[in-house]
Amino acid sequence: MTEEDPTQTLLRLRSSIDNVDAALIFLLAERFKCTKQVGELKAEFGMPPSDPAREEQQLARLRRLAEDADLDTAFAEKWFNFVVAEVIRHHTEAADGR
């Protein structure tokens, strides 16, 4: 059995990380395209920018997904709260007509 050179292993792992990072960026962009449409709809019909009940449901769902994925649930919650804060900011701007 031959062992892979540690430098080659590092390069292979970093390449995988780079691919995952690229996928995450494109997925986030797609997510924000959808939330932008939600914000425009809410603004058009005078709905509030934030939906605390929906946010709590999503947070519980993401906690379960994080557990299933063996991802730190506290990290998943921080990520979600960061994203939701940005979405609400966008929705508020849409409501203000910006």
N, C-alpha and C. Protein backbone atom coordinates (compact mmCIF):
# COMPACT_ATOMS: atom_id res chain seq x y z
N MET A 1 0.84 -1.18 0.00
CA MET A 1 0.00 0.00 0.00
C MET A 1 0.89 1.25 0.00
N THR A 2 0.65 2.15 -0.94
CA THR A 2 1.43 3.38 -1.01
C THR A 2 0.66 4.50 -0.33
N GLU A 3 1.40 5.32 0.38
CA GLU A 3 0.78 6.46 1.04
C GLU A 3 0.92 7.68 0.15
N GLU A 4 -0.12 8.50 0.18
CA GLU A 4 -0.09 9.73 -0.61
C GLU A 4 0.84 10.73 0.06
N ASP A 5 1.56 11.46 -0.74
CA ASP A 5 2.44 12.52 -0.26
C ASP A 5 1.58 13.54 0.50
N PRO A 6 1.99 13.93 1.72
CA PRO A 6 1.18 14.88 2.51
C PRO A 6 0.91 16.19 1.76
N THR A 7 1.87 16.64 0.97
CA THR A 7 1.66 17.87 0.20
C THR A 7 0.55 17.67 -0.82
N GLN A 8 0.53 16.52 -1.47
CA GLN A 8 -0.53 16.22 -2.44
C GLN A 8 -1.88 16.06 -1.74
N THR A 9 -1.87 15.46 -0.58
CA THR A 9 -3.11 15.34 0.20
C THR A 9 -3.65 16.71 0.56
N LEU A 10 -2.76 17.59 1.01
CA LEU A 10 -3.17 18.95 1.35
C LEU A 10 -3.75 19.68 0.14
N LEU A 11 -3.09 19.56 -1.00
CA LEU A 11 -3.58 20.20 -2.21
C LEU A 11 -4.95 19.64 -2.62
N ARG A 12 -5.11 18.32 -2.51
CA ARG A 12 -6.39 17.70 -2.86
C ARG A 12 -7.50 18.17 -1.93
N LEU A 13 -7.20 18.21 -0.62
CA LEU A 13 -8.21 18.66 0.34
C LEU A 13 -8.56 20.14 0.13
N ARG A 14 -7.56 20.95 -0.12
CA ARG A 14 -7.82 22.38 -0.36
C ARG A 14 -8.63 22.59 -1.63
N SER A 15 -8.39 21.78 -2.63
CA SER A 15 -9.18 21.86 -3.86
C SER A 15 -10.65 21.54 -3.56
N SER A 16 -10.87 20.54 -2.74
CA SER A 16 -12.24 20.20 -2.35
C SER A 16 -12.89 21.35 -1.58
N ILE A 17 -12.13 21.95 -0.68
CA ILE A 17 -12.64 23.08 0.09
C ILE A 17 -12.99 24.24 -0.85
N ASP A 18 -12.13 24.51 -1.81
CA ASP A 18 -12.39 25.58 -2.77
C ASP A 18 -13.67 25.32 -3.56
N ASN A 19 -13.88 24.07 -3.95
CA ASN A 19 -15.10 23.71 -4.68
C ASN A 19 -16.34 23.89 -3.81
N VAL A 20 -16.26 23.49 -2.57
CA VAL A 20 -17.40 23.65 -1.66
C VAL A 20 -17.67 25.14 -1.43
N ASP A 21 -16.61 25.93 -1.23
CA ASP A 21 -16.79 27.39 -1.06
C ASP A 21 -17.49 28.01 -2.26
N ALA A 22 -17.09 27.62 -3.45
CA ALA A 22 -17.73 28.15 -4.66
C ALA A 22 -19.20 27.76 -4.70
N ALA A 23 -19.49 26.52 -4.38
CA ALA A 23 -20.88 26.06 -4.37
C ALA A 23 -21.70 26.84 -3.33
N LEU A 24 -21.12 27.09 -2.16
CA LEU A 24 -21.83 27.85 -1.13
C LEU A 24 -22.14 29.27 -1.59
N ILE A 25 -21.19 29.90 -2.25
CA ILE A 25 -21.42 31.27 -2.74
C ILE A 25 -22.57 31.30 -3.75
N PHE A 26 -22.55 30.35 -4.68
CA PHE A 26 -23.63 30.32 -5.68
C PHE A 26 -24.97 29.96 -5.05
N LEU A 27 -24.96 29.09 -4.06
CA LEU A 27 -26.21 28.75 -3.36
C LEU A 27 -26.73 29.95 -2.57
N LEU A 28 -25.83 30.68 -1.92
CA LEU A 28 -26.26 31.89 -1.20
C LEU A 28 -26.83 32.93 -2.16
N ALA A 29 -26.19 33.08 -3.31
CA ALA A 29 -26.70 34.02 -4.31
C ALA A 29 -28.11 33.63 -4.74
N GLU A 30 -28.32 32.35 -4.96
CA GLU A 30 -29.65 31.87 -5.36
C GLU A 30 -30.67 32.10 -4.24
N ARG A 31 -30.24 31.85 -3.00
CA ARG A 31 -31.12 32.06 -1.86
C ARG A 31 -31.54 33.54 -1.79
N PHE A 32 -30.57 34.44 -1.97
CA PHE A 32 -30.89 35.86 -1.89
C PHE A 32 -31.73 36.34 -3.07
N LYS A 33 -31.62 35.69 -4.21
CA LYS A 33 -32.52 36.03 -5.31
C LYS A 33 -33.96 35.72 -4.91
N CYS A 34 -34.15 34.58 -4.26
CA CYS A 34 -35.50 34.20 -3.81
C CYS A 34 -35.99 35.13 -2.72
N THR A 35 -35.13 35.43 -1.74
CA THR A 35 -35.59 36.29 -0.65
C THR A 35 -35.83 37.72 -1.13
N LYS A 36 -35.14 38.14 -2.18
CA LYS A 36 -35.41 39.46 -2.76
C LYS A 36 -36.84 39.50 -3.31
N GLN A 37 -37.23 38.44 -3.96
CA GLN A 37 -38.60 38.36 -4.49
C GLN A 37 -39.61 38.37 -3.35
N VAL A 38 -39.29 37.68 -2.27
CA VAL A 38 -40.17 37.68 -1.09
C VAL A 38 -40.28 39.11 -0.56
N GLY A 39 -39.14 39.81 -0.45
CA GLY A 39 -39.16 41.18 0.05
C GLY A 39 -39.98 42.11 -0.82
N GLU A 40 -39.86 41.95 -2.13
CA GLU A 40 -40.65 42.78 -3.05
C GLU A 40 -42.14 42.49 -2.90
N LEU A 41 -42.49 41.22 -2.75
CA LEU A 41 -43.89 40.84 -2.56
C LEU A 41 -44.43 41.41 -1.26
N LYS A 42 -43.65 41.27 -0.19
CA LYS A 42 -44.08 41.82 1.10
C LYS A 42 -44.26 43.33 1.01
N ALA A 43 -43.32 44.01 0.35
CA ALA A 43 -43.41 45.47 0.22
C ALA A 43 -44.65 45.86 -0.57
N GLU A 44 -44.91 45.14 -1.65
CA GLU A 44 -46.05 45.46 -2.50
C GLU A 44 -47.38 45.34 -1.76
N PHE A 45 -47.45 44.35 -0.87
CA PHE A 45 -48.72 44.10 -0.18
C PHE A 45 -48.71 44.53 1.29
N GLY A 46 -47.72 45.33 1.67
CA GLY A 46 -47.68 45.91 3.01
C GLY A 46 -47.47 44.89 4.12
N MET A 47 -46.83 43.80 3.80
CA MET A 47 -46.53 42.78 4.82
C MET A 47 -45.28 43.20 5.59
N PRO A 48 -45.17 42.80 6.85
CA PRO A 48 -43.97 43.17 7.63
C PRO A 48 -42.72 42.48 7.09
N PRO A 49 -41.57 43.15 7.18
CA PRO A 49 -40.32 42.57 6.67
C PRO A 49 -39.91 41.29 7.39
N SER A 50 -40.27 41.18 8.65
CA SER A 50 -39.88 40.03 9.45
C SER A 50 -41.08 39.15 9.74
N ASP A 51 -40.85 37.85 9.82
CA ASP A 51 -41.90 36.88 10.16
C ASP A 51 -41.34 35.96 11.24
N PRO A 52 -41.44 36.40 12.51
CA PRO A 52 -40.81 35.65 13.60
C PRO A 52 -41.27 34.19 13.69
N ALA A 53 -42.52 33.90 13.41
CA ALA A 53 -42.99 32.51 13.47
C ALA A 53 -42.28 31.66 12.41
N ARG A 54 -42.18 32.17 11.20
CA ARG A 54 -41.49 31.47 10.12
C ARG A 54 -40.00 31.29 10.47
N GLU A 55 -39.40 32.34 11.01
CA GLU A 55 -37.99 32.27 11.36
C GLU A 55 -37.75 31.19 12.42
N GLU A 56 -38.62 31.09 13.40
CA GLU A 56 -38.47 30.08 14.45
C GLU A 56 -38.65 28.67 13.87
N GLN A 57 -39.62 28.51 12.97
CA GLN A 57 -39.80 27.20 12.32
C GLN A 57 -38.55 26.82 11.53
N GLN A 58 -38.01 27.78 10.79
CA GLN A 58 -36.82 27.51 9.99
C GLN A 58 -35.62 27.19 10.87
N LEU A 59 -35.49 27.91 11.98
CA LEU A 59 -34.39 27.67 12.89
C LEU A 59 -34.46 26.26 13.47
N ALA A 60 -35.64 25.83 13.86
CA ALA A 60 -35.81 24.47 14.38
C ALA A 60 -35.49 23.44 13.30
N ARG A 61 -35.93 23.70 12.10
CA ARG A 61 -35.65 22.80 10.96
C ARG A 61 -34.16 22.71 10.69
N LEU A 62 -33.48 23.86 10.70
CA LEU A 62 -32.05 23.88 10.44
C LEU A 62 -31.25 23.22 11.57
N ARG A 63 -31.74 23.35 12.80
CA ARG A 63 -31.08 22.64 13.91
C ARG A 63 -31.13 21.13 13.67
N ARG A 64 -32.30 20.63 13.25
CA ARG A 64 -32.44 19.19 12.97
C ARG A 64 -31.52 18.78 11.82
N LEU A 65 -31.48 19.59 10.77
CA LEU A 65 -30.60 19.29 9.64
C LEU A 65 -29.14 19.29 10.07
N ALA A 66 -28.75 20.24 10.90
CA ALA A 66 -27.37 20.31 11.38
C ALA A 66 -27.03 19.05 12.18
N GLU A 67 -27.95 18.64 13.03
CA GLU A 67 -27.72 17.42 13.81
C GLU A 67 -27.55 16.23 12.87
N ASP A 68 -28.42 16.10 11.87
CA ASP A 68 -28.33 15.00 10.91
C ASP A 68 -27.01 15.03 10.14
N ALA A 69 -26.50 16.24 9.89
CA ALA A 69 -25.27 16.40 9.11
C ALA A 69 -24.02 16.38 9.98
N ASP A 70 -24.21 16.20 11.29
CA ASP A 70 -23.10 16.23 12.24
C ASP A 70 -22.37 17.57 12.20
N LEU A 71 -23.18 18.64 12.12
CA LEU A 71 -22.67 20.01 12.13
C LEU A 71 -23.06 20.63 13.46
N ASP A 72 -22.19 21.39 14.03
CA ASP A 72 -22.46 22.07 15.29
C ASP A 72 -23.74 22.91 15.16
N THR A 73 -24.75 22.59 15.97
CA THR A 73 -26.03 23.29 15.85
C THR A 73 -25.90 24.77 16.23
N ALA A 74 -25.00 25.09 17.16
CA ALA A 74 -24.79 26.50 17.51
C ALA A 74 -24.24 27.27 16.32
N PHE A 75 -23.34 26.65 15.57
CA PHE A 75 -22.81 27.29 14.36
C PHE A 75 -23.92 27.48 13.34
N ALA A 76 -24.74 26.46 13.12
CA ALA A 76 -25.84 26.55 12.16
C ALA A 76 -26.79 27.68 12.56
N GLU A 77 -27.05 27.81 13.85
CA GLU A 77 -27.94 28.86 14.32
C GLU A 77 -27.32 30.24 14.10
N LYS A 78 -26.03 30.39 14.36
CA LYS A 78 -25.35 31.67 14.10
C LYS A 78 -25.42 32.03 12.62
N TRP A 79 -25.17 31.05 11.77
CA TRP A 79 -25.22 31.28 10.32
C TRP A 79 -26.63 31.74 9.92
N PHE A 80 -27.64 31.02 10.40
CA PHE A 80 -29.02 31.35 10.05
C PHE A 80 -29.37 32.76 10.53
N ASN A 81 -29.03 33.08 11.76
CA ASN A 81 -29.34 34.41 12.29
C ASN A 81 -28.65 35.50 11.49
N PHE A 82 -27.43 35.26 11.06
CA PHE A 82 -26.70 36.22 10.23
C PHE A 82 -27.42 36.43 8.90
N VAL A 83 -27.80 35.34 8.26
CA VAL A 83 -28.48 35.42 6.96
C VAL A 83 -29.84 36.10 7.11
N VAL A 84 -30.60 35.71 8.13
CA VAL A 84 -31.93 36.30 8.32
C VAL A 84 -31.83 37.80 8.59
N ALA A 85 -30.84 38.23 9.35
CA ALA A 85 -30.67 39.67 9.60
C ALA A 85 -30.44 40.41 8.29
N GLU A 86 -29.66 39.83 7.41
CA GLU A 86 -29.41 40.45 6.11
C GLU A 86 -30.69 40.47 5.26
N VAL A 87 -31.43 39.39 5.29
CA VAL A 87 -32.69 39.31 4.53
C VAL A 87 -33.67 40.36 5.04
N ILE A 88 -33.81 40.47 6.34
CA ILE A 88 -34.73 41.46 6.92
C ILE A 88 -34.30 42.87 6.53
N ARG A 89 -33.00 43.11 6.52
CA ARG A 89 -32.50 44.43 6.09
C ARG A 89 -32.93 44.70 4.65
N HIS A 90 -32.80 43.71 3.79
CA HIS A 90 -33.22 43.87 2.39
C HIS A 90 -34.73 44.10 2.30
N HIS A 91 -35.48 43.36 3.09
CA HIS A 91 -36.95 43.50 3.06
C HIS A 91 -37.36 44.88 3.57
N THR A 92 -36.68 45.37 4.58
CA THR A 92 -36.98 46.69 5.11
C THR A 92 -36.68 47.77 4.07
N GLU A 93 -35.55 47.61 3.36
CA GLU A 93 -35.22 48.56 2.30
C GLU A 93 -36.27 48.53 1.19
N ALA A 94 -36.73 47.33 0.86
CA ALA A 94 -37.77 47.21 -0.18
C ALA A 94 -39.05 47.90 0.27
N ALA A 95 -39.38 47.73 1.55
CA ALA A 95 -40.60 48.36 2.08
C ALA A 95 -40.48 49.88 2.10
N ASP A 96 -39.25 50.36 2.32
CA ASP A 96 -39.01 51.80 2.33
C ASP A 96 -38.89 52.40 0.94
N GLY A 97 -38.98 51.54 -0.07
CA GLY A 97 -38.93 52.01 -1.46
C GLY A 97 -37.55 52.30 -1.98
N ARG A 98 -36.52 51.72 -1.37
CA ARG A 98 -35.14 51.96 -1.81
C ARG A 98 -34.76 51.08 -2.94
